[in-house]
PDB file of N, CA and C in Angstrom:
ATOM      1  N   MET A   1     148.294-110.464  56.647  1.00  0.00           N
ATOM      2  CA  MET A   1     148.432-109.837  55.295  1.00  0.00           C
ATOM      3  C   MET A   1     148.771-108.527  55.258  1.00  0.00           C
ATOM      4  N   THR A   2     149.882-108.234  54.455  1.00  0.00           N
ATOM      5  CA  THR A   2     150.653-107.012  54.522  1.00  0.00           C
ATOM      6  C   THR A   2     150.318-106.349  53.317  1.00  0.00           C
ATOM      7  N   LYS A   3     150.348-104.883  53.270  1.00  0.00           N
ATOM      8  CA  LYS A   3     149.712-103.935  52.184  1.00  0.00           C
ATOM      9  C   LYS A   3     151.170-103.727  51.498  1.00  0.00           C
ATOM     10  N   PRO A   4     150.993-103.682  50.261  1.00  0.00           N
ATOM     11  CA  PRO A   4     152.220-103.294  49.334  1.00  0.00           C
ATOM     12  C   PRO A   4     152.371-101.983  49.375  1.00  0.00           C
ATOM     13  N   VAL A   5     151.451-101.223  49.517  1.00  0.00           N
ATOM     14  CA  VAL A   5     151.697 -99.736  49.647  1.00  0.00           C
ATOM     15  C   VAL A   5     151.020 -99.271  51.172  1.00  0.00           C
ATOM     16  N   PRO A   6     151.802 -98.155  51.858  1.00  0.00           N
ATOM     17  CA  PRO A   6     151.285 -97.746  52.902  1.00  0.00           C
ATOM     18  C   PRO A   6     150.046 -96.932  53.032  1.00  0.00           C
ATOM     19  N   ASP A   7     149.423 -96.591  53.965  1.00  0.00           N
ATOM     20  CA  ASP A   7     148.295 -95.581  53.909  1.00  0.00           C
ATOM     21  C   ASP A   7     148.819 -94.381  53.759  1.00  0.00           C
ATOM     22  N   PRO A   8     148.133 -93.536  52.965  1.00  0.00           N
ATOM     23  CA  PRO A   8     148.649 -92.032  52.893  1.00  0.00           C
ATOM     24  C   PRO A   8     148.451 -91.442  54.270  1.00  0.00           C
ATOM     25  N   PRO A   9     149.607 -90.321  54.316  1.00  0.00           N
ATOM     26  CA  PRO A   9     149.373 -89.868  55.809  1.00  0.00           C
ATOM     27  C   PRO A   9     148.465 -88.913  55.711  1.00  0.00           C
ATOM     28  N   GLU A  10     147.995 -88.849  57.101  1.00  0.00           N
ATOM     29  CA  GLU A  10     146.515 -88.092  57.198  1.00  0.00           C
ATOM     30  C   GLU A  10     146.870 -86.510  56.924  1.00  0.00           C
ATOM     31  N   GLU A  11     146.186 -85.854  56.073  1.00  0.00           N
ATOM     32  CA  GLU A  11     146.560 -84.446  55.870  1.00  0.00           C
ATOM     33  C   GLU A  11     146.187 -83.506  57.184  1.00  0.00           C
ATOM     34  N   THR A  12     147.011 -82.601  57.127  1.00  0.00           N
ATOM     35  CA  THR A  12     146.781 -81.591  58.313  1.00  0.00           C
ATOM     36  C   THR A  12     146.955 -80.303  57.759  1.00  0.00           C
ATOM     37  N   SER A  13     145.547 -79.736  57.827  1.00  0.00           N
ATOM     38  CA  SER A  13     145.400 -78.302  57.171  1.00  0.00           C
ATOM     39  C   SER A  13     145.150 -77.259  58.248  1.00  0.00           C
ATOM     40  N   THR A  14     145.905 -76.070  57.666  1.00  0.00           N
ATOM     41  CA  THR A  14     145.553 -74.852  58.583  1.00  0.00           C
ATOM     42  C   THR A  14     144.199 -74.516  58.321  1.00  0.00           C
ATOM     43  N   PRO A  15     143.745 -73.561  59.205  1.00  0.00           N
ATOM     44  CA  PRO A  15     142.332 -72.979  58.961  1.00  0.00           C
ATOM     45  C   PRO A  15     142.409 -72.106  57.685  1.00  0.00           C
ATOM     46  N   LEU A  16     143.461 -71.536  57.495  1.00  0.00           N
ATOM     47  CA  LEU A  16     143.725 -70.797  55.995  1.00  0.00           C
ATOM     48  C   LEU A  16     143.256 -71.610  55.111  1.00  0.00           C
ATOM     49  N   GLU A  17     144.223 -72.614  54.943  1.00  0.00           N
ATOM     50  CA  GLU A  17     144.005 -73.548  53.609  1.00  0.00           C
ATOM     51  C   GLU A  17     142.521 -74.184  53.605  1.00  0.00           C
ATOM     52  N   ALA A  18     141.906 -74.478  54.871  1.00  0.00           N
ATOM     53  CA  ALA A  18     140.589 -74.999  54.956  1.00  0.00           C
ATOM     54  C   ALA A  18     139.432 -73.903  54.146  1.00  0.00           C
ATOM     55  N   ALA A  19     139.702 -72.553  54.654  1.00  0.00           N
ATOM     56  CA  ALA A  19     138.992 -71.690  54.230  1.00  0.00           C
ATOM     57  C   ALA A  19     139.149 -71.467  52.600  1.00  0.00           C
ATOM     58  N   LEU A  20     140.501 -71.494  52.046  1.00  0.00           N
ATOM     59  CA  LEU A  20     140.772 -71.540  50.728  1.00  0.00           C
ATOM     60  C   LEU A  20     139.882 -72.698  49.775  1.00  0.00           C
ATOM     61  N   ARG A  21     139.945 -73.920  50.781  1.00  0.00           N
ATOM     62  CA  ARG A  21     139.512 -74.995  49.913  1.00  0.00           C
ATOM     63  C   ARG A  21     138.132 -74.982  49.845  1.00  0.00           C
ATOM     64  N   ALA A  22     137.200 -74.137  50.912  1.00  0.00           N
ATOM     65  CA  ALA A  22     135.885 -74.037  50.939  1.00  0.00           C
ATOM     66  C   ALA A  22     135.495 -72.839  49.896  1.00  0.00           C
ATOM     67  N   ASP A  23     136.468 -72.017  49.714  1.00  0.00           N
ATOM     68  CA  ASP A  23     136.256 -71.019  48.652  1.00  0.00           C
ATOM     69  C   ASP A  23     136.052 -71.503  47.235  1.00  0.00           C
ATOM     70  N   ASP A  24     137.126 -72.292  46.951  1.00  0.00           N
ATOM     71  CA  ASP A  24     137.331 -72.938  45.838  1.00  0.00           C
ATOM     72  C   ASP A  24     136.175 -73.868  45.529  1.00  0.00           C
ATOM     73  N   LEU A  25     135.591 -74.427  46.309  1.00  0.00           N
ATOM     74  CA  LEU A  25     134.486 -75.285  46.157  1.00  0.00           C
ATOM     75  C   LEU A  25     133.439 -74.623  45.892  1.00  0.00           C
ATOM     76  N   ALA A  26     133.108 -73.669  46.414  1.00  0.00           N
ATOM     77  CA  ALA A  26     131.984 -72.654  46.298  1.00  0.00           C
ATOM     78  C   ALA A  26     132.163 -72.111  44.953  1.00  0.00           C
ATOM     79  N   LYS A  27     133.278 -71.551  44.549  1.00  0.00           N
ATOM     80  CA  LYS A  27     133.313 -71.092  43.223  1.00  0.00           C
ATOM     81  C   LYS A  27     133.152 -72.327  42.279  1.00  0.00           C
ATOM     82  N   ASN A  28     133.580 -73.517  42.254  1.00  0.00           N
ATOM     83  CA  ASN A  28     133.281 -74.554  41.334  1.00  0.00           C
ATOM     84  C   ASN A  28     131.965 -74.625  41.218  1.00  0.00           C
ATOM     85  N   ARG A  29     131.168 -74.620  42.541  1.00  0.00           N
ATOM     86  CA  ARG A  29     129.683 -75.180  42.376  1.00  0.00           C
ATOM     87  C   ARG A  29     128.990 -74.057  41.548  1.00  0.00           C
ATOM     88  N   GLU A  30     129.578 -72.835  41.730  1.00  0.00           N
ATOM     89  CA  GLU A  30     128.652 -71.749  41.038  1.00  0.00           C
ATOM     90  C   GLU A  30     128.976 -71.780  39.597  1.00  0.00           C
ATOM     91  N   ALA A  31     130.309 -72.256  39.182  1.00  0.00           N
ATOM     92  CA  ALA A  31     130.795 -72.321  37.795  1.00  0.00           C
ATOM     93  C   ALA A  31     129.764 -73.268  37.153  1.00  0.00           C
ATOM     94  N   ILE A  32     129.763 -74.408  38.068  1.00  0.00           N
ATOM     95  CA  ILE A  32     129.026 -75.684  37.203  1.00  0.00           C
ATOM     96  C   ILE A  32     127.478 -75.286  37.233  1.00  0.00           C
ATOM     97  N   LYS A  33     127.079 -74.692  38.265  1.00  0.00           N
ATOM     98  CA  LYS A  33     125.595 -74.171  38.094  1.00  0.00           C
ATOM     99  C   LYS A  33     125.231 -73.458  36.981  1.00  0.00           C
ATOM    100  N   ARG A  34     126.065 -72.374  36.593  1.00  0.00           N
ATOM    101  CA  ARG A  34     126.000 -71.255  35.591  1.00  0.00           C
ATOM    102  C   ARG A  34     126.120 -72.124  34.128  1.00  0.00           C
ATOM    103  N   ALA A  35     127.091 -73.184  34.203  1.00  0.00           N
ATOM    104  CA  ALA A  35     127.399 -73.837  32.864  1.00  0.00           C
ATOM    105  C   ALA A  35     126.089 -74.953  32.796  1.00  0.00           C
ATOM    106  N   LEU A  36     125.515 -75.445  33.727  1.00  0.00           N
ATOM    107  CA  LEU A  36     124.338 -76.105  33.682  1.00  0.00           C
ATOM    108  C   LEU A  36     123.094 -75.300  33.283  1.00  0.00           C
ATOM    109  N   ASP A  37     122.861 -74.213  33.659  1.00  0.00           N
ATOM    110  CA  ASP A  37     121.822 -73.394  33.546  1.00  0.00           C
ATOM    111  C   ASP A  37     122.005 -72.682  32.033  1.00  0.00           C
ATOM    112  N   PHE A  38     123.164 -72.536  31.522  1.00  0.00           N
ATOM    113  CA  PHE A  38     123.362 -72.016  30.123  1.00  0.00           C
ATOM    114  C   PHE A  38     122.891 -73.192  29.255  1.00  0.00           C
ATOM    115  N   TYR A  39     123.268 -74.493  29.554  1.00  0.00           N
ATOM    116  CA  TYR A  39     122.859 -75.341  28.475  1.00  0.00           C
ATOM    117  C   TYR A  39     121.451 -76.081  28.725  1.00  0.00           C
ATOM    118  N   LEU A  40     121.044 -76.077  30.007  1.00  0.00           N
ATOM    119  CA  LEU A  40     119.632 -76.749  30.173  1.00  0.00           C
ATOM    120  C   LEU A  40     118.613 -75.815  30.462  1.00  0.00           C
ATOM    121  N   CYS A  41     118.905 -74.552  30.847  1.00  0.00           N
ATOM    122  CA  CYS A  41     117.599 -73.581  31.018  1.00  0.00           C
ATOM    123  C   CYS A  41     118.133 -72.302  30.196  1.00  0.00           C
ATOM    124  N   PRO A  42     118.094 -72.368  28.819  1.00  0.00           N
ATOM    125  CA  PRO A  42     118.339 -71.026  28.187  1.00  0.00           C
ATOM    126  C   PRO A  42     117.475 -69.865  28.465  1.00  0.00           C
ATOM    127  N   PRO A  43     117.736 -68.786  28.383  1.00  0.00           N
ATOM    128  CA  PRO A  43     117.129 -67.737  28.719  1.00  0.00           C
ATOM    129  C   PRO A  43     116.001 -67.390  27.599  1.00  0.00           C
ATOM    130  N   PRO A  44     114.647 -67.279  27.756  1.00  0.00           N
ATOM    131  CA  PRO A  44     113.760 -67.064  26.818  1.00  0.00           C
ATOM    132  C   PRO A  44     114.073 -65.995  25.750  1.00  0.00           C
ATOM    133  N   GLY A  45     114.067 -66.266  24.623  1.00  0.00           N
ATOM    134  CA  GLY A  45     114.424 -65.327  23.526  1.00  0.00           C
ATOM    135  C   GLY A  45     113.247 -64.628  23.074  1.00  0.00           C
ATOM    136  N   LYS A  46     113.312 -63.752  22.266  1.00  0.00           N
ATOM    137  CA  LYS A  46     112.289 -62.859  21.762  1.00  0.00           C
ATOM    138  C   LYS A  46     111.563 -63.887  20.840  1.00  0.00           C
ATOM    139  N   PRO A  47     110.152 -63.743  20.933  1.00  0.00           N
ATOM    140  CA  PRO A  47     109.531 -64.432  19.882  1.00  0.00           C
ATOM    141  C   PRO A  47     109.359 -63.870  18.671  1.00  0.00           C
ATOM    142  N   HIS A  48     109.490 -64.770  17.488  1.00  0.00           N
ATOM    143  CA  HIS A  48     109.776 -64.621  16.295  1.00  0.00           C
ATOM    144  C   HIS A  48     108.405 -63.873  15.897  1.00  0.00           C
ATOM    145  N   PRO A  49     108.422 -62.883  15.219  1.00  0.00           N
ATOM    146  CA  PRO A  49     107.230 -62.370  14.525  1.00  0.00           C
ATOM    147  C   PRO A  49     106.459 -63.280  13.680  1.00  0.00           C
ATOM    148  N   ALA A  50     105.094 -63.305  13.678  1.00  0.00           N
ATOM    149  CA  ALA A  50     104.316 -64.124  12.794  1.00  0.00           C
ATOM    150  C   ALA A  50     104.613 -63.730  11.444  1.00  0.00           C
ATOM    151  N   SER A  51     104.804 -64.755  10.500  1.00  0.00           N
ATOM    152  CA  SER A  51     104.807 -64.335   8.975  1.00  0.00           C
ATOM    153  C   SER A  51     103.671 -63.869   8.484  1.00  0.00           C
ATOM    154  N   THR A  52     103.603 -62.778   7.693  1.00  0.00           N
ATOM    155  CA  THR A  52     102.649 -62.326   7.171  1.00  0.00           C
ATOM    156  C   THR A  52     102.302 -62.606   5.532  1.00  0.00           C
ATOM    157  N   MET A  53     102.962 -63.572   5.249  1.00  0.00           N
ATOM    158  CA  MET A  53     102.880 -64.039   3.870  1.00  0.00           C
ATOM    159  C   MET A  53     101.446 -64.651   3.611  1.00  0.00           C
ATOM    160  N   PHE A  54     100.835 -65.407   4.603  1.00  0.00           N
ATOM    161  CA  PHE A  54      99.728 -66.095   4.719  1.00  0.00           C
ATOM    162  C   PHE A  54      98.883 -65.580   5.947  1.00  0.00           C
ATOM    163  N   LEU A  55      97.798 -64.575   5.835  1.00  0.00           N
ATOM    164  CA  LEU A  55      97.703 -64.102   7.088  1.00  0.00           C
ATOM    165  C   LEU A  55      95.871 -64.087   6.873  1.00  0.00           C
ATOM    166  N   VAL A  56      95.406 -64.656   7.872  1.00  0.00           N
ATOM    167  CA  VAL A  56      93.837 -64.564   8.074  1.00  0.00           C
ATOM    168  C   VAL A  56      93.604 -63.352   8.574  1.00  0.00           C
ATOM    169  N   GLN A  57      92.797 -62.637   8.501  1.00  0.00           N
ATOM    170  CA  GLN A  57      92.243 -61.201   8.956  1.00  0.00           C
ATOM    171  C   GLN A  57      91.650 -61.542  10.332  1.00  0.00           C
ATOM    172  N   PRO A  58      92.178 -61.115  11.428  1.00  0.00           N
ATOM    173  CA  PRO A  58      91.512 -61.361  12.760  1.00  0.00           C
ATOM    174  C   PRO A  58      90.340 -60.937  12.783  1.00  0.00           C
ATOM    175  N   ASP A  59      89.460 -59.917  12.086  1.00  0.00           N
ATOM    176  CA  ASP A  59      88.311 -59.472  12.236  1.00  0.00           C
ATOM    177  C   ASP A  59      87.111 -60.422  11.338  1.00  0.00           C
ATOM    178  N   ILE A  60      87.664 -61.477  10.764  1.00  0.00           N
ATOM    179  CA  ILE A  60      86.731 -62.321   9.863  1.00  0.00           C
ATOM    180  C   ILE A  60      85.655 -63.069  10.969  1.00  0.00           C
ATOM    181  N   ASP A  61      84.522 -62.999  10.556  1.00  0.00           N
ATOM    182  CA  ASP A  61      83.482 -63.694  11.274  1.00  0.00           C
ATOM    183  C   ASP A  61      83.661 -65.485  11.021  1.00  0.00           C
ATOM    184  N   THR A  62      83.400 -66.214  12.363  1.00  0.00           N
ATOM    185  CA  THR A  62      83.437 -67.673  12.432  1.00  0.00           C
ATOM    186  C   THR A  62      82.734 -68.079  11.278  1.00  0.00           C
ATOM    187  N   GLU A  63      81.237 -67.738  10.849  1.00  0.00           N
ATOM    188  CA  GLU A  63      80.677 -68.279   9.970  1.00  0.00           C
ATOM    189  C   GLU A  63      81.433 -68.247   8.591  1.00  0.00           C
ATOM    190  N   SER A  64      82.141 -67.135   8.155  1.00  0.00           N
ATOM    191  CA  SER A  64      82.872 -67.033   6.976  1.00  0.00           C
ATOM    192  C   SER A  64      84.001 -67.781   6.937  1.00  0.00           C
ATOM    193  N   LEU A  65      84.683 -68.033   8.042  1.00  0.00           N
ATOM    194  CA  LEU A  65      86.139 -69.032   8.288  1.00  0.00           C
ATOM    195  C   LEU A  65      85.476 -70.463   7.922  1.00  0.00           C
ATOM    196  N   LEU A  66      84.272 -70.900   8.659  1.00  0.00           N
ATOM    197  CA  LEU A  66      84.007 -72.200   8.319  1.00  0.00           C
ATOM    198  C   LEU A  66      83.574 -72.480   7.183  1.00  0.00           C
ATOM    199  N   ALA A  67      82.676 -71.530   6.469  1.00  0.00           N
ATOM    200  CA  ALA A  67      82.260 -71.813   5.140  1.00  0.00           C
ATOM    201  C   ALA A  67      83.419 -71.792   4.082  1.00  0.00           C
ATOM    202  N   HIS A  68      84.602 -71.101   4.233  1.00  0.00           N
ATOM    203  CA  HIS A  68      85.672 -71.420   3.517  1.00  0.00           C
ATOM    204  C   HIS A  68      86.213 -72.728   3.669  1.00  0.00           C
ATOM    205  N   ALA A  69      86.725 -73.027   5.058  1.00  0.00           N
ATOM    206  CA  ALA A  69      87.167 -74.319   5.354  1.00  0.00           C
ATOM    207  C   ALA A  69      86.202 -75.577   4.654  1.00  0.00           C
ATOM    208  N   CYS A  70      84.769 -75.446   4.644  1.00  0.00           N
ATOM    209  CA  CYS A  70      84.110 -76.499   4.082  1.00  0.00           C
ATOM    210  C   CYS A  70      84.449 -76.611   2.829  1.00  0.00           C
ATOM    211  N   GLU A  71      84.284 -75.378   1.815  1.00  0.00           N
ATOM    212  CA  GLU A  71      84.530 -75.369   0.547  1.00  0.00           C
ATOM    213  C   GLU A  71      86.115 -75.950   0.242  1.00  0.00           C
ATOM    214  N   SER A  72      86.866 -75.451   1.183  1.00  0.00           N
ATOM    215  CA  SER A  72      88.413 -76.294   0.810  1.00  0.00           C
ATOM    216  C   SER A  72      88.372 -77.776   0.962  1.00  0.00           C
ATOM    217  N   LEU A  73      87.718 -78.187   1.869  1.00  0.00           N
ATOM    218  CA  LEU A  73      87.723 -79.743   2.143  1.00  0.00           C
ATOM    219  C   LEU A  73      86.867 -80.235   1.053  1.00  0.00           C
ATOM    220  N   ALA A  74      85.776 -79.613   0.589  1.00  0.00           N
ATOM    221  CA  ALA A  74      85.064 -80.347  -0.428  1.00  0.00           C
ATOM    222  C   ALA A  74      85.862 -80.309  -1.756  1.00  0.00           C
ATOM    223  N   SER A  75      86.799 -79.338  -2.049  1.00  0.00           N
ATOM    224  CA  SER A  75      87.557 -79.428  -3.093  1.00  0.00           C
ATOM    225  C   SER A  75      88.686 -80.624  -2.972  1.00  0.00           C
ATOM    226  N   ALA A  76      89.168 -80.539  -1.698  1.00  0.00           N
ATOM    227  CA  ALA A  76      90.192 -81.696  -1.472  1.00  0.00           C
ATOM    228  C   ALA A  76      89.586 -83.197  -1.623  1.00  0.00           C
ATOM    229  N   ASN A  77      88.286 -83.135  -1.217  1.00  0.00           N
ATOM    230  CA  ASN A  77      87.625 -84.360  -1.192  1.00  0.00           C
ATOM    231  C   ASN A  77      87.442 -84.747  -2.635  1.00  0.00           C
ATOM    232  N   THR A  78      87.264 -83.869  -3.630  1.00  0.00           N
ATOM    233  CA  THR A  78      87.169 -84.365  -4.935  1.00  0.00           C
ATOM    234  C   THR A  78      88.405 -84.630  -5.706  1.00  0.00           C
ATOM    235  N   LEU A  79      89.372 -84.026  -5.113  1.00  0.00           N
ATOM    236  CA  LEU A  79      90.851 -84.212  -5.780  1.00  0.00           C
ATOM    237  C   LEU A  79      91.281 -85.740  -5.312  1.00  0.00           C
ATOM    238  N   ALA A  80      91.065 -85.874  -4.123  1.00  0.00           N
ATOM    239  CA  ALA A  80      91.636 -87.206  -3.609  1.00  0.00           C
ATOM    240  C   ALA A  80      90.849 -88.454  -4.278  1.00  0.00           C
ATOM    241  N   SER A  81      89.475 -88.120  -4.577  1.00  0.00           N
ATOM    242  CA  SER A  81      88.468 -89.107  -5.235  1.00  0.00           C
ATOM    243  C   SER A  81      89.041 -89.248  -6.584  1.00  0.00           C
ATOM    244  N   ASP A  82      89.412 -88.026  -7.544  1.00  0.00           N
ATOM    245  CA  ASP A  82      89.651 -88.097  -8.657  1.00  0.00           C
ATOM    246  C   ASP A  82      91.195 -88.812  -8.848  1.00  0.00           C
ATOM    247  N   PHE A  83      92.289 -88.668  -7.806  1.00  0.00           N
ATOM    248  CA  PHE A  83      93.526 -89.061  -7.967  1.00  0.00           C
ATOM    249  C   PHE A  83      93.384 -90.671  -7.378  1.00  0.00           C
ATOM    250  N   ALA A  84      92.399 -91.157  -6.555  1.00  0.00           N
ATOM    251  CA  ALA A  84      92.265 -92.453  -6.239  1.00  0.00           C
ATOM    252  C   ALA A  84      91.914 -93.412  -7.485  1.00  0.00           C
ATOM    253  N   ASP A  85      91.205 -92.652  -8.398  1.00  0.00           N
ATOM    254  CA  ASP A  85      90.709 -93.327  -9.646  1.00  0.00           C
ATOM    255  C   ASP A  85      91.775 -93.767 -10.591  1.00  0.00           C
ATOM    256  N   GLN A  86      92.939 -93.018 -10.418  1.00  0.00           N
ATOM    257  CA  GLN A  86      94.014 -93.069 -11.521  1.00  0.00           C
ATOM    258  C   GLN A  86      95.178 -94.018 -10.645  1.00  0.00           C
ATOM    259  N   LEU A  87      94.934 -94.499  -9.667  1.00  0.00           N
ATOM    260  CA  LEU A  87      96.027 -95.291  -8.990  1.00  0.00           C
ATOM    261  C   LEU A  87      95.691 -96.762  -8.836  1.00  0.00           C
ATOM    262  N   GLY A  88      96.805 -97.542  -8.871  1.00  0.00           N
ATOM    263  CA  GLY A  88      96.623 -99.195  -8.715  1.00  0.00           C
ATOM    264  C   GLY A  88      96.179 -99.611  -7.218  1.00  0.00           C
ATOM    265  N   ARG A  89      95.857-100.724  -6.990  1.00  0.00           N
ATOM    266  CA  ARG A  89      95.161-101.189  -5.916  1.00  0.00           C
ATOM    267  C   ARG A  89      95.737-100.621  -4.529  1.00  0.00           C
ATOM    268  N   PRO A  90      97.094-101.017  -4.140  1.00  0.00           N
ATOM    269  CA  PRO A  90      97.545-100.707  -2.864  1.00  0.00           C
ATOM    270  C   PRO A  90      97.650 -99.092  -2.701  1.00  0.00           C
ATOM    271  N   GLN A  91      98.010 -98.343  -3.608  1.00  0.00           N
ATOM    272  CA  GLN A  91      98.009 -96.913  -3.544  1.00  0.00           C
ATOM    273  C   GLN A  91      96.488 -96.180  -3.473  1.00  0.00           C
ATOM    274  N   ARG A  92      95.632 -97.075  -4.232  1.00  0.00           N
ATOM    275  CA  ARG A  92      94.309 -96.495  -4.245  1.00  0.00           C
ATOM    276  C   ARG A  92      93.535 -96.593  -3.059  1.00  0.00           C
ATOM    277  N   ASN A  93      94.018 -97.527  -2.086  1.00  0.00           N
ATOM    278  CA  ASN A  93      93.182 -97.813  -0.715  1.00  0.00           C
ATOM    279  C   ASN A  93      93.787 -96.607  -0.058  1.00  0.00           C
ATOM    280  N   THR A  94      95.258 -96.127  -0.248  1.00  0.00           N
ATOM    281  CA  THR A  94      95.726 -95.058   0.748  1.00  0.00           C
ATOM    282  C   THR A  94      94.812 -93.704   0.194  1.00  0.00           C
ATOM    283  N   ALA A  95      94.876 -93.446  -0.970  1.00  0.00           N
ATOM    284  CA  ALA A  95      94.160 -92.194  -1.411  1.00  0.00           C
ATOM    285  C   ALA A  95      92.758 -92.358  -1.126  1.00  0.00           C
ATOM    286  N   LEU A  96      92.209 -93.449  -0.934  1.00  0.00           N
ATOM    287  CA  LEU A  96      90.569 -93.311  -0.414  1.00  0.00           C
ATOM    288  C   LEU A  96      90.568 -93.301   1.033  1.00  0.00           C
ATOM    289  N   ALA A  97      91.486 -93.892   1.792  1.00  0.00           N
ATOM    290  CA  ALA A  97      91.592 -93.553   3.350  1.00  0.00           C
ATOM    291  C   ALA A  97      92.004 -91.917   3.418  1.00  0.00           C
ATOM    292  N   ILE A  98      92.499 -91.245   2.805  1.00  0.00           N
ATOM    293  CA  ILE A  98      92.921 -89.728   2.976  1.00  0.00           C
ATOM    294  C   ILE A  98      91.803 -89.259   2.531  1.00  0.00           C
ATOM    295  N   GLN A  99      90.951 -89.815   1.351  1.00  0.00           N
ATOM    296  CA  GLN A  99      89.381 -89.031   1.117  1.00  0.00           C
ATOM    297  C   GLN A  99      88.531 -89.238   2.297  1.00  0.00           C
ATOM    298  N   GLN A 100      88.542 -90.264   2.596  1.00  0.00           N
ATOM    299  CA  GLN A 100      87.495 -90.609   4.045  1.00  0.00           C
ATOM    300  C   GLN A 100      87.925 -89.427   4.976  1.00  0.00           C
ATOM    301  N   ILE A 101      89.239 -89.279   5.412  1.00  0.00           N
ATOM    302  CA  ILE A 101      89.415 -88.343   6.510  1.00  0.00           C
ATOM    303  C   ILE A 101      89.152 -86.942   6.163  1.00  0.00           C
ATOM    304  N   ILE A 102      89.271 -86.512   4.807  1.00  0.00           N
ATOM    305  CA  ILE A 102      88.816 -85.296   4.232  1.00  0.00           C
ATOM    306  C   ILE A 102      87.168 -85.044   4.454  1.00  0.00           C
ATOM    307  N   MET A 103      86.696 -86.250   4.071  1.00  0.00           N
ATOM    308  CA  MET A 103      85.276 -86.335   4.052  1.00  0.00           C
ATOM    309  C   MET A 103      84.795 -86.148   5.582  1.00  0.00           C
ATOM    310  N   LEU A 104      85.655 -86.808   6.504  1.00  0.00           N
ATOM    311  CA  LEU A 104      84.963 -86.578   7.727  1.00  0.00           C
ATOM    312  C   LEU A 104      85.146 -85.275   8.323  1.00  0.00           C
ATOM    313  N   ALA A 105      86.334 -84.514   8.080  1.00  0.00           N
ATOM    314  CA  ALA A 105      86.404 -83.390   8.453  1.00  0.00           C
ATOM    315  C   ALA A 105      85.609 -82.510   7.951  1.00  0.00           C
ATOM    316  N   GLU A 106      85.154 -82.579   6.642  1.00  0.00           N
ATOM    317  CA  GLU A 106      84.168 -81.896   6.044  1.00  0.00           C
ATOM    318  C   GLU A 106      82.805 -81.997   6.735  1.00  0.00           C
ATOM    319  N   LEU A 107      82.664 -83.130   7.098  1.00  0.00           N
ATOM    320  CA  LEU A 107      81.153 -83.444   7.901  1.00  0.00           C
ATOM    321  C   LEU A 107      81.139 -82.467   9.202  1.00  0.00           C
ATOM    322  N   ALA A 108      82.453 -82.615   9.886  1.00  0.00           N
ATOM    323  CA  ALA A 108      82.560 -82.042  11.238  1.00  0.00           C
ATOM    324  C   ALA A 108      82.356 -80.449  11.074  1.00  0.00           C
ATOM    325  N   VAL A 109      83.134 -79.847   9.890  1.00  0.00           N
ATOM    326  CA  VAL A 109      82.955 -78.386   9.766  1.00  0.00           C
ATOM    327  C   VAL A 109      81.648 -78.038   9.304  1.00  0.00           C
ATOM    328  N   ASN A 110      80.814 -78.875   8.605  1.00  0.00           N
ATOM    329  CA  ASN A 110      79.345 -78.501   8.020  1.00  0.00           C
ATOM    330  C   ASN A 110      78.566 -78.412   9.637  1.00  0.00           C
ATOM    331  N   ARG A 111      78.841 -79.348  10.481  1.00  0.00           N
ATOM    332  CA  ARG A 111      78.053 -79.434  11.653  1.00  0.00           C
ATOM    333  C   ARG A 111      78.248 -78.134  12.331  1.00  0.00           C
ATOM    334  N   ALA A 112      79.441 -77.747  12.339  1.00  0.00           N
ATOM    335  CA  ALA A 112      79.917 -76.523  13.073  1.00  0.00           C
ATOM    336  C   ALA A 112      79.435 -75.362  12.686  1.00  0.00           C
ATOM    337  N   LEU A 113      79.373 -75.380  10.940  1.00  0.00           N
ATOM    338  CA  LEU A 113      78.559 -74.197  10.613  1.00  0.00           C
ATOM    339  C   LEU A 113      77.159 -74.332  10.776  1.00  0.00           C
ATOM    340  N   ASP A 114      76.214 -75.298  10.775  1.00  0.00           N
ATOM    341  CA  ASP A 114      75.084 -75.601  11.182  1.00  0.00           C
ATOM    342  C   ASP A 114      74.714 -74.882  12.401  1.00  0.00           C
ATOM    343  N   ARG A 115      75.719 -75.005  13.522  1.00  0.00           N
ATOM    344  CA  ARG A 115      75.528 -74.446  14.932  1.00  0.00           C
ATOM    345  C   ARG A 115      75.910 -72.989  14.964  1.00  0.00           C
ATOM    346  N   VAL A 116      76.558 -72.478  13.916  1.00  0.00           N
ATOM    347  CA  VAL A 116      76.738 -71.144  13.963  1.00  0.00           C
ATOM    348  C   VAL A 116      75.631 -70.371  13.577  1.00  0.00           C
ATOM    349  N   ASP A 117      75.137 -70.803  12.252  1.00  0.00           N
ATOM    350  CA  ASP A 117      73.940 -70.301  11.642  1.00  0.00           C
ATOM    351  C   ASP A 117      72.914 -71.347  11.350  1.00  0.00           C
ATOM    352  N   PRO A 118      72.096 -71.498  12.450  1.00  0.00           N
ATOM    353  CA  PRO A 118      70.919 -72.602  12.464  1.00  0.00           C
ATOM    354  C   PRO A 118      70.047 -72.560  11.539  1.00  0.00           C
ATOM    355  N   HIS A 119      69.815 -71.114  11.077  1.00  0.00           N
ATOM    356  CA  HIS A 119      68.443 -70.722  10.007  1.00  0.00           C
ATOM    357  C   HIS A 119      68.897 -70.993   8.712  1.00  0.00           C
ATOM    358  N   ALA A 120      70.128 -70.960   8.373  1.00  0.00           N
ATOM    359  CA  ALA A 120      70.653 -71.275   6.883  1.00  0.00           C
ATOM    360  C   ALA A 120      70.040 -72.556   6.356  1.00  0.00           C
TER     361      ALA A 120
END
């Protein structure tokens, strides 16, 4: 079986050409690493400052926070119940499920509030 194209001739390079080729390979590897680091490992940016539009004062005690959360959940429970009464069958089930989740969260907050102030 004969080949239609002969084998390419073996490359003979001088030590200078080999050194230049190794230098080019090192530069290419460095450029590839920089490019990958730029896209895959971006430098950490400055953290964004927290918005002060809605801010909970850091010195408020846990009992006050839990009491406020409990009152908010009780209001949400009432709103969901009233809203469910105005809906048809499929939507009512969804609203009642939301109300149940709110009620369970309210129970958990009440329990936490009892643990913070057991004498109340």
